[in-house]
């Protein structure tokens, strides 16, 4: 494990790794669930020393990869700004990781993902060269003075993407989010290619990020929350479709198992959550006027409870203390799954599927049938507004039968996901646990991904085994 203090240390490590043929793995705080930064060779730990906020401007910020997202948020709050994407691990995750996996989070409907906010990156390539990359002109006359290697990258990638445009377009999922492979469908526009957008979400397999300039946005002046309770999971899915048409900031779901844990954890949640609730939606609205925010939430509750009869009860608040208490439901309860006593644990290996939101009512039934077939129970937390489902089956990994079951369960569930136009990875990346399933989702597009990898890393030294996996990796 190497703890670089600056870009020159990173260059030295990469050059050494290239000379000796040693794999190299960039790492943040280790919050990834898919084995994103695991592997033999050199591990570059950016969380130790490269954690400086380099510059803060009116609507941008320049950071090193080891900056903790929560620390950046506190700094930006002094200016009334924020970095939009908010993954659940923001209290510990680093900005290098946020960019490497193209993180999003619960506020995706409002802010999108990391690649929507990146302007430029300083990166170290597989041969040790340092480049500043962003959006670049493809034509020679527009790119005068550009570093030759960067311009060569731009030309080769532009040619590849143009040539394979039809294959790229044919193999995009219909889900609103997708982290499956390299995102090539939106790189070319107006004679320019956006290298920064390509590298965000590439899991450290194409280049190593050493600095990044990202956009910030104004903090909402007022926020309000509603909790809606449902007696059926399917009703919650239909309710989410109604809610997202109203333009909300967040629409998250917790299933009966998570609600039960919440009641056992805090007596206040026992008083708050009806015992008959099979599912709960946590919905946030934000705006410049407190009364208007509250009014929109109350109108939404009337629509779902009294008019549509989908939810049977609800709570609404715009008070900060109460709002924070409601938010702790999702932020504290999901993590307690990892502290359950006994040999059976909630295992996150199929926790990142995403499907088109309109298919949710039907898909949730299919999903439950897969679990019934394998006699497995699972907890479900979801960003239901954009179709992102975080599933954690309860398994005993000391049991060889359960170890074998993981592969069959993942395979059967992914068949259902792909059948409705979804993706096996919506926001957590492929890592080790999903890369081998990539071919099944993208078909001939996999060969295009291989060529992208060869353009950047012909000797396969940067985080090998992730995304373009050449060797079978059973779960």
Protein backbone atom coordinates (compact mmCIF):
# COMPACT_ATOMS: atom_id res chain seq x y z
CA UNK A 1 0.00 0.00 0.00
CA UNK A 2 1.41 3.39 -1.04
CA UNK A 3 0.23 6.70 0.40
CA UNK A 4 1.14 9.32 -2.23
CA UNK A 5 1.63 12.91 -1.00
CA UNK A 6 1.26 14.50 -4.43
CA UNK A 7 1.04 13.91 -8.16
CA UNK A 8 4.81 13.24 -8.46
CA UNK A 9 4.46 10.29 -6.07
CA UNK A 10 1.59 8.92 -8.18
CA UNK A 11 3.71 9.27 -11.34
CA UNK A 12 6.62 7.46 -9.67
CA UNK A 13 4.33 4.58 -8.59
CA UNK A 14 2.74 4.24 -12.03
CA UNK A 15 6.10 4.28 -13.79
CA UNK A 16 7.44 1.65 -11.38
CA UNK A 17 4.32 -0.51 -11.84
CA UNK A 18 4.62 -0.21 -15.64
CA UNK A 19 8.32 -1.15 -15.54
CA UNK A 20 7.71 -4.20 -13.33
CA UNK A 21 4.33 -5.22 -14.83
CA UNK A 22 2.55 -4.83 -11.49
CA UNK A 23 -1.21 -4.06 -11.30
CA UNK A 24 -2.08 -0.77 -9.60
CA UNK A 25 -5.33 0.01 -7.74
CA UNK A 26 -6.46 3.55 -6.75
CA UNK A 27 -8.36 3.58 -3.44
CA UNK A 28 -10.35 6.06 -1.38
CA UNK A 29 -11.96 5.12 1.95
CA UNK A 30 -12.89 1.58 0.89
CA UNK A 31 -16.66 2.25 0.89
CA UNK A 32 -17.32 0.43 -2.40
CA UNK A 33 -19.59 -2.62 -2.19
CA UNK A 34 -18.43 -4.33 -5.39
CA UNK A 35 -14.71 -4.78 -4.70
CA UNK A 36 -13.93 -1.72 -6.82
CA UNK A 37 -10.39 -1.21 -5.46
CA UNK A 38 -9.42 -4.77 -4.49
CA UNK A 39 -6.67 -6.76 -6.19
CA UNK A 40 -3.02 -7.84 -6.03
CA UNK A 41 -0.20 -5.38 -6.66
CA UNK A 42 0.14 -1.74 -5.59
CA UNK A 43 -2.76 0.00 -3.84
CA UNK A 44 -2.63 3.82 -3.98
CA UNK A 45 -4.36 5.10 -0.81
CA UNK A 46 -5.49 8.66 -1.63
CA UNK A 47 -7.38 9.16 1.64
CA UNK A 48 -4.19 9.63 3.69
CA UNK A 49 -2.45 12.70 2.27
CA UNK A 50 -4.00 13.93 -1.00
CA UNK A 51 -7.06 15.47 0.64
CA UNK A 52 -6.73 19.18 -0.01
CA UNK A 53 -9.44 21.51 -1.31
CA UNK A 54 -7.24 23.34 -3.81
CA UNK A 55 -9.49 26.26 -4.81
CA UNK A 56 -13.08 27.41 -4.27
CA UNK A 57 -14.61 29.78 -6.82
CA UNK A 58 -18.15 31.16 -7.16
CA UNK A 59 -19.63 28.07 -8.85
CA UNK A 60 -16.72 25.58 -9.04
CA UNK A 61 -14.31 23.85 -6.68
CA UNK A 62 -10.94 22.16 -7.32
CA UNK A 63 -10.17 19.14 -5.10
CA UNK A 64 -7.63 16.36 -4.64
CA UNK A 65 -9.02 12.81 -4.74
CA UNK A 66 -8.73 12.18 -0.98
CA UNK A 67 -11.12 14.99 0.04
CA UNK A 68 -14.03 13.56 2.06
CA UNK A 69 -17.35 14.57 0.48
CA UNK A 70 -18.88 15.58 3.84
CA UNK A 71 -15.88 17.85 4.54
CA UNK A 72 -16.30 19.47 1.11
CA UNK A 73 -20.02 19.97 1.83
CA UNK A 74 -19.26 21.76 5.10
CA UNK A 75 -16.78 24.03 3.33
CA UNK A 76 -19.21 24.86 0.51
CA UNK A 77 -22.08 25.47 2.96
CA UNK A 78 -20.31 28.65 4.13
CA UNK A 79 -20.93 30.04 0.64
CA UNK A 80 -24.48 28.72 0.44
CA UNK A 81 -23.38 26.14 -2.18
CA UNK A 82 -23.17 22.34 -2.43
CA UNK A 83 -21.93 19.53 -4.65
CA UNK A 84 -25.17 17.89 -5.78
CA UNK A 85 -24.56 14.09 -5.78
CA UNK A 86 -24.98 12.68 -2.26
CA UNK A 87 -24.11 8.96 -1.94
CA UNK A 88 -25.14 7.33 1.34
CA UNK A 89 -21.46 6.98 2.38
CA UNK A 90 -20.75 10.72 2.03
CA UNK A 91 -19.56 11.00 5.65
CA UNK A 92 -16.48 8.91 4.74
CA UNK A 93 -16.30 8.52 0.95
CA UNK A 94 -13.67 10.48 -0.99
CA UNK A 95 -14.20 12.67 -4.03
CA UNK A 96 -11.86 10.40 -6.02
CA UNK A 97 -14.26 7.54 -5.35
CA UNK A 98 -17.33 9.70 -6.09
CA UNK A 99 -15.85 10.46 -9.53
CA UNK A 100 -14.45 6.97 -10.18
CA UNK A 101 -17.88 5.33 -9.79
CA UNK A 102 -19.95 8.30 -11.02
CA UNK A 103 -21.80 8.43 -7.70
CA UNK A 104 -25.30 9.87 -7.43
CA UNK A 105 -27.49 9.11 -4.41
CA UNK A 106 -30.88 9.93 -3.05
CA UNK A 107 -31.12 13.39 -4.71
CA UNK A 108 -30.50 12.11 -8.27
CA UNK A 109 -33.90 13.52 -9.50
CA UNK A 110 -32.65 17.01 -8.59
CA UNK A 111 -28.89 16.86 -9.22
CA UNK A 112 -28.09 13.83 -11.39
CA UNK A 113 -24.73 12.08 -10.96
CA UNK A 114 -21.07 13.16 -10.67
CA UNK A 115 -20.43 13.23 -14.44
CA UNK A 116 -23.13 15.91 -14.78
CA UNK A 117 -20.98 18.21 -12.60
CA UNK A 118 -17.39 17.54 -13.72
CA UNK A 119 -15.56 20.23 -15.71
CA UNK A 120 -11.99 18.94 -15.88
CA UNK A 121 -9.65 16.36 -14.36
CA UNK A 122 -5.93 16.11 -13.82
CA UNK A 123 -5.06 12.46 -14.46
CA UNK A 124 -2.04 10.17 -14.59
CA UNK A 125 -2.11 7.79 -17.57
CA UNK A 126 -0.88 4.18 -17.57
CA UNK A 127 2.56 5.29 -18.82
CA UNK A 128 2.96 7.91 -16.07
CA UNK A 129 2.15 10.98 -18.17
CA UNK A 130 0.12 13.73 -16.45
CA UNK A 131 -2.70 15.35 -18.45
CA UNK A 132 -5.45 17.90 -17.79
CA UNK A 133 -8.57 16.65 -19.56
CA UNK A 134 -12.02 18.07 -20.15
CA UNK A 135 -14.02 18.81 -23.31
CA UNK A 136 -11.70 19.02 -26.33
CA UNK A 137 -11.98 19.91 -30.01
CA UNK A 138 -11.34 16.99 -32.36
CA UNK A 139 -10.10 19.02 -35.36
CA UNK A 140 -6.41 19.96 -35.49
CA UNK A 141 -6.94 23.66 -36.17
CA UNK A 142 -9.12 24.06 -33.07
CA UNK A 143 -6.70 22.17 -30.86
CA UNK A 144 -3.51 24.14 -31.51
CA UNK A 145 -1.12 23.92 -28.60
CA UNK A 146 -2.80 20.85 -27.08
CA UNK A 147 -0.51 18.17 -25.61
CA UNK A 148 0.15 15.63 -28.42
CA UNK A 149 -0.81 12.59 -26.31
CA UNK A 150 -4.10 14.16 -25.27
CA UNK A 151 -4.95 15.05 -28.85
CA UNK A 152 -4.06 11.52 -29.96
CA UNK A 153 -6.44 10.14 -27.28
CA UNK A 154 -9.20 12.50 -28.44
CA UNK A 155 -8.80 11.52 -32.10
CA UNK A 156 -8.66 7.76 -31.46
CA UNK A 157 -11.69 7.84 -29.18
CA UNK A 158 -13.67 10.13 -31.48
CA UNK A 159 -12.99 7.77 -34.38
CA UNK A 160 -14.00 4.72 -32.30
CA UNK A 161 -17.20 6.29 -30.95
CA UNK A 162 -18.21 7.57 -34.40
CA UNK A 163 -17.56 4.19 -36.02
CA UNK A 164 -19.48 2.26 -33.35
CA UNK A 165 -22.33 4.74 -32.87
CA UNK A 166 -24.99 2.26 -33.94
CA UNK A 167 -23.76 -0.50 -31.59
CA UNK A 168 -23.53 2.00 -28.72
CA UNK A 169 -27.08 3.28 -29.30
CA UNK A 170 -28.58 -0.23 -29.66
CA UNK A 171 -27.24 -1.48 -26.33
CA UNK A 172 -28.23 1.29 -23.93
CA UNK A 173 -30.65 0.21 -21.17
CA UNK A 174 -34.00 1.99 -20.80
CA UNK A 175 -33.35 2.68 -17.10
CA UNK A 176 -32.77 6.31 -16.09
CA UNK A 177 -29.41 5.46 -14.49
CA UNK A 178 -26.63 3.13 -15.68
CA UNK A 179 -23.08 2.40 -14.44
CA UNK A 180 -22.55 -0.69 -16.59
CA UNK A 181 -19.30 -0.27 -18.54
CA UNK A 182 -17.96 2.94 -20.07
CA UNK A 183 -20.53 5.64 -20.87
CA UNK A 184 -19.94 6.40 -24.56
CA UNK A 185 -23.35 7.57 -25.78
CA UNK A 186 -22.98 11.27 -24.87
CA UNK A 187 -19.26 12.00 -25.38
CA UNK A 188 -19.37 13.51 -28.90
CA UNK A 189 -21.10 16.83 -29.65
CA UNK A 190 -20.41 19.82 -31.91
CA UNK A 191 -16.98 18.58 -33.01
CA UNK A 192 -15.82 18.06 -29.43
CA UNK A 193 -15.19 14.99 -27.25
CA UNK A 194 -15.53 15.11 -23.46
CA UNK A 195 -12.70 13.06 -21.95
CA UNK A 196 -13.63 14.06 -18.39
CA UNK A 197 -17.16 12.62 -18.75
CA UNK A 198 -15.68 9.34 -20.04
CA UNK A 199 -13.23 9.00 -17.14
CA UNK A 200 -15.90 9.72 -14.50
CA UNK A 201 -17.40 6.30 -13.84
CA UNK A 202 -14.50 4.33 -15.35
CA UNK A 203 -13.54 2.84 -11.93
CA UNK A 204 -9.85 3.74 -12.19
CA UNK A 205 -9.38 1.37 -15.14
CA UNK A 206 -8.46 4.05 -17.72
CA UNK A 207 -6.52 6.70 -15.76
CA UNK A 208 -5.87 7.78 -12.16
CA UNK A 209 -7.53 11.03 -11.01
CA UNK A 210 -5.17 13.33 -9.04
CA UNK A 211 -7.24 16.55 -9.11
CA UNK A 212 -10.74 17.50 -10.26
CA UNK A 213 -12.67 20.69 -10.97
CA UNK A 214 -16.41 20.24 -10.41
CA UNK A 215 -19.44 22.53 -10.51
CA UNK A 216 -21.33 23.51 -7.39
CA UNK A 217 -24.98 24.58 -7.09
CA UNK A 218 -26.92 26.84 -4.67
CA UNK A 219 -28.21 25.18 -1.49
CA UNK A 220 -32.02 25.07 -1.34
CA UNK A 221 -33.38 27.71 1.07
CA UNK A 222 -36.14 25.43 2.36
CA UNK A 223 -36.73 21.69 2.39
CA UNK A 224 -39.68 19.61 3.53
CA UNK A 225 -40.27 15.87 3.98
CA UNK A 226 -43.27 13.57 3.77
CA UNK A 227 -43.48 9.97 4.95
CA UNK A 228 -46.15 7.94 3.15
CA UNK A 229 -47.21 4.50 4.41
CA UNK A 230 -48.52 1.66 2.21
CA UNK A 231 -50.03 -1.74 2.93
CA UNK A 232 -48.54 -3.27 -0.25
CA UNK A 233 -45.16 -2.93 -1.97
CA UNK A 234 -46.90 -2.66 -5.35
CA UNK A 235 -49.00 0.28 -4.10
CA UNK A 236 -45.79 2.05 -3.07
CA UNK A 237 -44.38 1.53 -6.58
CA UNK A 238 -47.53 3.00 -8.15
CA UNK A 239 -47.40 5.85 -5.64
CA UNK A 240 -43.80 6.60 -6.63
CA UNK A 241 -44.85 6.97 -10.28
CA UNK A 242 -47.48 9.53 -9.22
CA UNK A 243 -45.02 11.37 -6.98
CA UNK A 244 -42.17 11.72 -9.48
CA UNK A 245 -44.53 13.36 -11.97
CA UNK A 246 -44.80 16.22 -9.42
CA UNK A 247 -41.08 17.08 -9.62
CA UNK A 248 -39.77 16.01 -6.18
CA UNK A 249 -36.13 16.07 -5.00
CA UNK A 250 -36.20 12.58 -3.48
CA UNK A 251 -38.45 9.53 -3.48
CA UNK A 252 -36.95 6.68 -1.42
CA UNK A 253 -38.53 3.42 -0.29
CA UNK A 254 -38.00 1.28 2.81
CA UNK A 255 -39.63 -2.15 3.01
CA UNK A 256 -41.29 -3.89 5.97
CA UNK A 257 -38.03 -5.50 7.23
CA UNK A 258 -36.26 -2.14 7.46
CA UNK A 259 -39.27 -0.51 9.12
CA UNK A 260 -39.33 -3.32 11.71
CA UNK A 261 -35.65 -2.69 12.51
CA UNK A 262 -36.40 1.04 12.84
CA UNK A 263 -39.19 0.40 15.36
CA UNK A 264 -36.91 -1.87 17.42
CA UNK A 265 -34.06 0.66 17.30
CA UNK A 266 -35.91 3.73 18.62
CA UNK A 267 -39.25 3.97 20.45
CA UNK A 268 -39.95 7.24 18.60
CA UNK A 269 -39.98 5.33 15.31
CA UNK A 270 -42.35 2.80 16.89
CA UNK A 271 -44.77 5.64 17.55
CA UNK A 272 -44.19 7.16 14.10
CA UNK A 273 -44.48 4.08 11.82
CA UNK A 274 -47.83 2.23 11.71
CA UNK A 275 -47.48 -1.48 12.52
CA UNK A 276 -49.40 -2.49 9.37
CA UNK A 277 -47.05 -0.63 6.99
CA UNK A 278 -45.53 -2.96 4.37
CA UNK A 279 -43.58 -0.10 2.78
CA UNK A 280 -42.81 3.57 3.32
CA UNK A 281 -41.87 6.30 0.86
CA UNK A 282 -39.70 9.19 2.06
CA UNK A 283 -40.29 12.18 -0.24
CA UNK A 284 -38.48 15.52 -0.20
CA UNK A 285 -39.45 18.83 -1.79
CA UNK A 286 -37.24 21.92 -1.85
CA UNK A 287 -37.66 25.55 -2.86
CA UNK A 288 -37.19 29.22 -2.00
CA UNK A 289 -40.50 29.63 -0.14
CA UNK A 290 -41.22 27.55 2.99
CA UNK A 291 -45.02 27.79 2.69
CA UNK A 292 -44.95 26.72 -0.96
CA UNK A 293 -42.74 23.70 -0.12
CA UNK A 294 -45.14 22.59 2.62
CA UNK A 295 -48.18 23.18 0.42
CA UNK A 296 -46.77 21.02 -2.39
CA UNK A 297 -46.15 18.18 0.08
CA UNK A 298 -49.66 18.45 1.55
CA UNK A 299 -51.22 18.40 -1.94
CA UNK A 300 -49.18 15.29 -2.76
CA UNK A 301 -50.43 13.55 0.41
CA UNK A 302 -54.05 14.39 -0.43
CA UNK A 303 -53.57 12.98 -3.93
CA UNK A 304 -52.07 9.66 -2.78
CA UNK A 305 -54.15 9.08 0.37
CA UNK A 306 -57.60 10.52 -0.34
CA UNK A 307 -57.85 10.61 -4.14
CA UNK A 308 -55.83 7.60 -5.36
CA UNK A 309 -56.17 5.48 -2.15
CA UNK A 310 -52.61 4.16 -2.64
CA UNK A 311 -51.19 5.21 0.76
CA UNK A 312 -53.19 4.77 3.98
CA UNK A 313 -51.35 7.30 6.19
CA UNK A 314 -48.74 10.07 6.01
CA UNK A 315 -46.62 12.54 8.01
CA UNK A 316 -45.41 15.93 6.72
CA UNK A 317 -42.85 18.35 8.15
CA UNK A 318 -40.79 21.40 7.13
CA UNK A 319 -39.18 21.78 10.59
CA UNK A 320 -35.42 21.12 10.48
CA UNK A 321 -35.19 19.02 13.66
CA UNK A 322 -38.10 16.79 12.69
CA UNK A 323 -36.86 16.58 9.09
CA UNK A 324 -33.43 15.39 10.25
CA UNK A 325 -35.11 12.79 12.47
CA UNK A 326 -37.06 11.46 9.47
CA UNK A 327 -33.88 11.36 7.36
CA UNK A 328 -32.10 9.27 10.01
CA UNK A 329 -34.60 6.52 9.20
CA UNK A 330 -32.80 5.70 5.98
CA UNK A 331 -29.31 6.83 6.95
CA UNK A 332 -29.11 4.80 10.17
CA UNK A 333 -31.41 1.84 9.64
CA UNK A 334 -29.90 0.45 6.42
CA UNK A 335 -26.42 0.35 7.99
CA UNK A 336 -27.74 -1.65 10.98
CA UNK A 337 -28.32 -4.58 8.58
CA UNK A 338 -24.56 -5.22 8.81
CA UNK A 339 -24.73 -5.49 12.59
CA UNK A 340 -27.42 -8.16 12.86
CA UNK A 341 -26.46 -10.98 15.21
CA UNK A 342 -26.05 -14.55 14.03
CA UNK A 343 -24.38 -16.20 11.02
CA UNK A 344 -26.95 -14.98 8.49
CA UNK A 345 -26.03 -11.55 7.11
CA UNK A 346 -27.45 -9.04 4.63
CA UNK A 347 -25.04 -9.52 1.71
CA UNK A 348 -24.67 -6.69 -0.87
CA UNK A 349 -23.86 -8.49 -4.13
CA UNK A 350 -27.00 -7.71 -6.18
CA UNK A 351 -27.58 -4.36 -4.47
CA UNK A 352 -27.30 -2.11 -7.51
CA UNK A 353 -29.97 -3.02 -10.07
CA UNK A 354 -32.01 -0.29 -11.76
CA UNK A 355 -35.10 -0.65 -13.96
CA UNK A 356 -37.27 1.84 -15.90
CA UNK A 357 -39.60 3.38 -13.27
CA UNK A 358 -42.75 2.55 -15.28
CA UNK A 359 -41.90 -1.19 -14.99
CA UNK A 360 -41.57 -1.11 -11.18
CA UNK A 361 -45.02 -2.47 -10.20
CA UNK A 362 -44.53 -5.49 -12.49
CA UNK A 363 -40.80 -5.90 -11.75
CA UNK A 364 -41.22 -5.97 -7.95
CA UNK A 365 -43.49 -9.02 -8.38
CA UNK A 366 -40.89 -10.71 -10.63
CA UNK A 367 -38.17 -9.89 -8.10
CA UNK A 368 -40.13 -11.46 -5.25
CA UNK A 369 -40.74 -14.58 -7.35
CA UNK A 370 -36.97 -15.00 -7.88
CA UNK A 371 -36.42 -14.88 -4.11
CA UNK A 372 -39.26 -17.35 -3.53
CA UNK A 373 -37.74 -19.74 -6.10
CA UNK A 374 -34.45 -19.79 -4.17
CA UNK A 375 -36.13 -19.70 -0.71
CA UNK A 376 -34.26 -16.49 0.22
CA UNK A 377 -35.48 -13.36 2.01
CA UNK A 378 -34.04 -9.91 1.34
CA UNK A 379 -34.24 -6.33 2.58
CA UNK A 380 -35.10 -3.62 0.06
CA UNK A 381 -34.09 0.03 0.15
CA UNK A 382 -34.72 1.91 -3.10
CA UNK A 383 -34.52 5.26 -4.82
CA UNK A 384 -37.89 4.43 -6.31
CA UNK A 385 -38.29 7.73 -8.14
CA UNK A 386 -35.58 6.73 -10.61
CA UNK A 387 -35.93 2.95 -10.38
CA UNK A 388 -32.77 2.19 -8.37
CA UNK A 389 -33.15 -0.90 -6.12
CA UNK A 390 -30.69 -1.78 -3.35
CA UNK A 391 -31.35 -5.42 -2.44
CA UNK A 392 -29.59 -7.28 0.35
CA UNK A 393 -30.42 -11.00 0.56
CA UNK A 394 -29.91 -12.71 3.94
CA UNK A 395 -27.31 -15.45 3.49
CA UNK A 396 -24.85 -17.46 5.59
CA UNK A 397 -21.56 -17.20 3.69
CA UNK A 398 -20.01 -19.92 5.89
CA UNK A 399 -22.50 -22.30 4.26
CA UNK A 400 -21.16 -23.72 0.93
CA UNK A 401 -24.75 -24.06 -0.37
CA UNK A 402 -25.35 -20.34 0.16
CA UNK A 403 -22.04 -19.54 -1.55
CA UNK A 404 -23.20 -21.47 -4.64
CA UNK A 405 -26.66 -19.91 -4.37
CA UNK A 406 -25.22 -16.39 -4.87
CA UNK A 407 -24.30 -17.11 -8.50
CA UNK A 408 -27.70 -18.64 -9.41
CA UNK A 409 -29.65 -15.94 -7.58
CA UNK A 410 -27.71 -13.14 -9.30
CA UNK A 411 -28.06 -14.82 -12.70
CA UNK A 412 -31.84 -15.32 -12.38
CA UNK A 413 -32.45 -11.81 -11.05
CA UNK A 414 -30.32 -10.21 -13.78
CA UNK A 415 -32.35 -12.07 -16.41
CA UNK A 416 -35.49 -10.35 -15.09
CA UNK A 417 -33.71 -6.97 -14.91
CA UNK A 418 -32.52 -7.16 -18.52
CA UNK A 419 -35.92 -8.39 -19.71
CA UNK A 420 -37.54 -5.09 -18.63
CA UNK A 421 -34.73 -2.94 -20.08
CA UNK A 422 -32.86 -2.36 -16.81
CA UNK A 423 -29.21 -2.48 -15.80
CA UNK A 424 -27.28 -4.67 -13.37
CA UNK A 425 -25.45 -1.59 -12.05
CA UNK A 426 -27.24 1.70 -11.51
CA UNK A 427 -24.87 3.65 -9.24
CA UNK A 428 -22.37 1.49 -7.31
CA UNK A 429 -20.20 0.35 -10.27
CA UNK A 430 -19.28 -3.13 -11.53
CA UNK A 431 -16.14 -3.88 -9.48
CA UNK A 432 -15.32 -7.55 -9.00
CA UNK A 433 -18.84 -8.73 -8.21
CA UNK A 434 -20.53 -7.62 -11.45
CA UNK A 435 -17.89 -7.19 -14.19
CA UNK A 436 -18.27 -10.76 -15.44
CA UNK A 437 -22.01 -10.20 -16.00
CA UNK A 438 -21.29 -7.15 -18.22
CA UNK A 439 -21.11 -9.19 -21.45
CA UNK A 440 -24.63 -10.48 -20.83
CA UNK A 441 -26.02 -6.94 -20.64
CA UNK A 442 -24.13 -5.20 -23.45
CA UNK A 443 -23.44 -7.98 -25.99
CA UNK A 444 -21.26 -6.72 -28.90
CA UNK A 445 -20.74 -3.39 -27.12
CA UNK A 446 -18.30 -5.27 -24.86
CA UNK A 447 -15.76 -5.35 -27.72
CA UNK A 448 -16.01 -1.55 -27.97
CA UNK A 449 -15.29 -1.31 -24.23
CA UNK A 450 -12.23 -3.54 -24.72
CA UNK A 451 -10.94 -1.19 -27.39
CA UNK A 452 -11.45 1.84 -25.11
CA UNK A 453 -9.42 0.05 -22.43
CA UNK A 454 -6.62 -0.72 -24.93
CA UNK A 455 -6.47 2.94 -26.01
CA UNK A 456 -5.76 4.05 -22.43
CA UNK A 457 -4.12 1.02 -20.83
CA UNK A 458 -2.71 -1.45 -23.40
CA UNK A 459 -0.84 -3.50 -20.74
CA UNK A 460 -3.92 -3.80 -18.45
CA UNK A 461 -2.16 -2.41 -15.37
CA UNK A 462 -4.84 0.00 -14.08
CA UNK A 463 -7.30 -1.74 -11.73
CA UNK A 464 -7.43 -4.94 -13.84
CA UNK A 465 -10.40 -7.30 -13.59
CA UNK A 466 -12.91 -4.45 -13.33
CA UNK A 467 -15.28 -3.51 -16.19
CA UNK A 468 -13.39 -5.31 -18.98
CA UNK A 469 -12.81 -8.64 -17.22
CA UNK A 470 -11.01 -11.18 -19.42
CA UNK A 471 -11.07 -14.07 -16.95
CA UNK A 472 -14.24 -15.63 -15.41
CA UNK A 473 -14.87 -14.40 -11.88
CA UNK A 474 -17.69 -16.41 -10.27
CA UNK A 475 -19.21 -14.78 -7.19
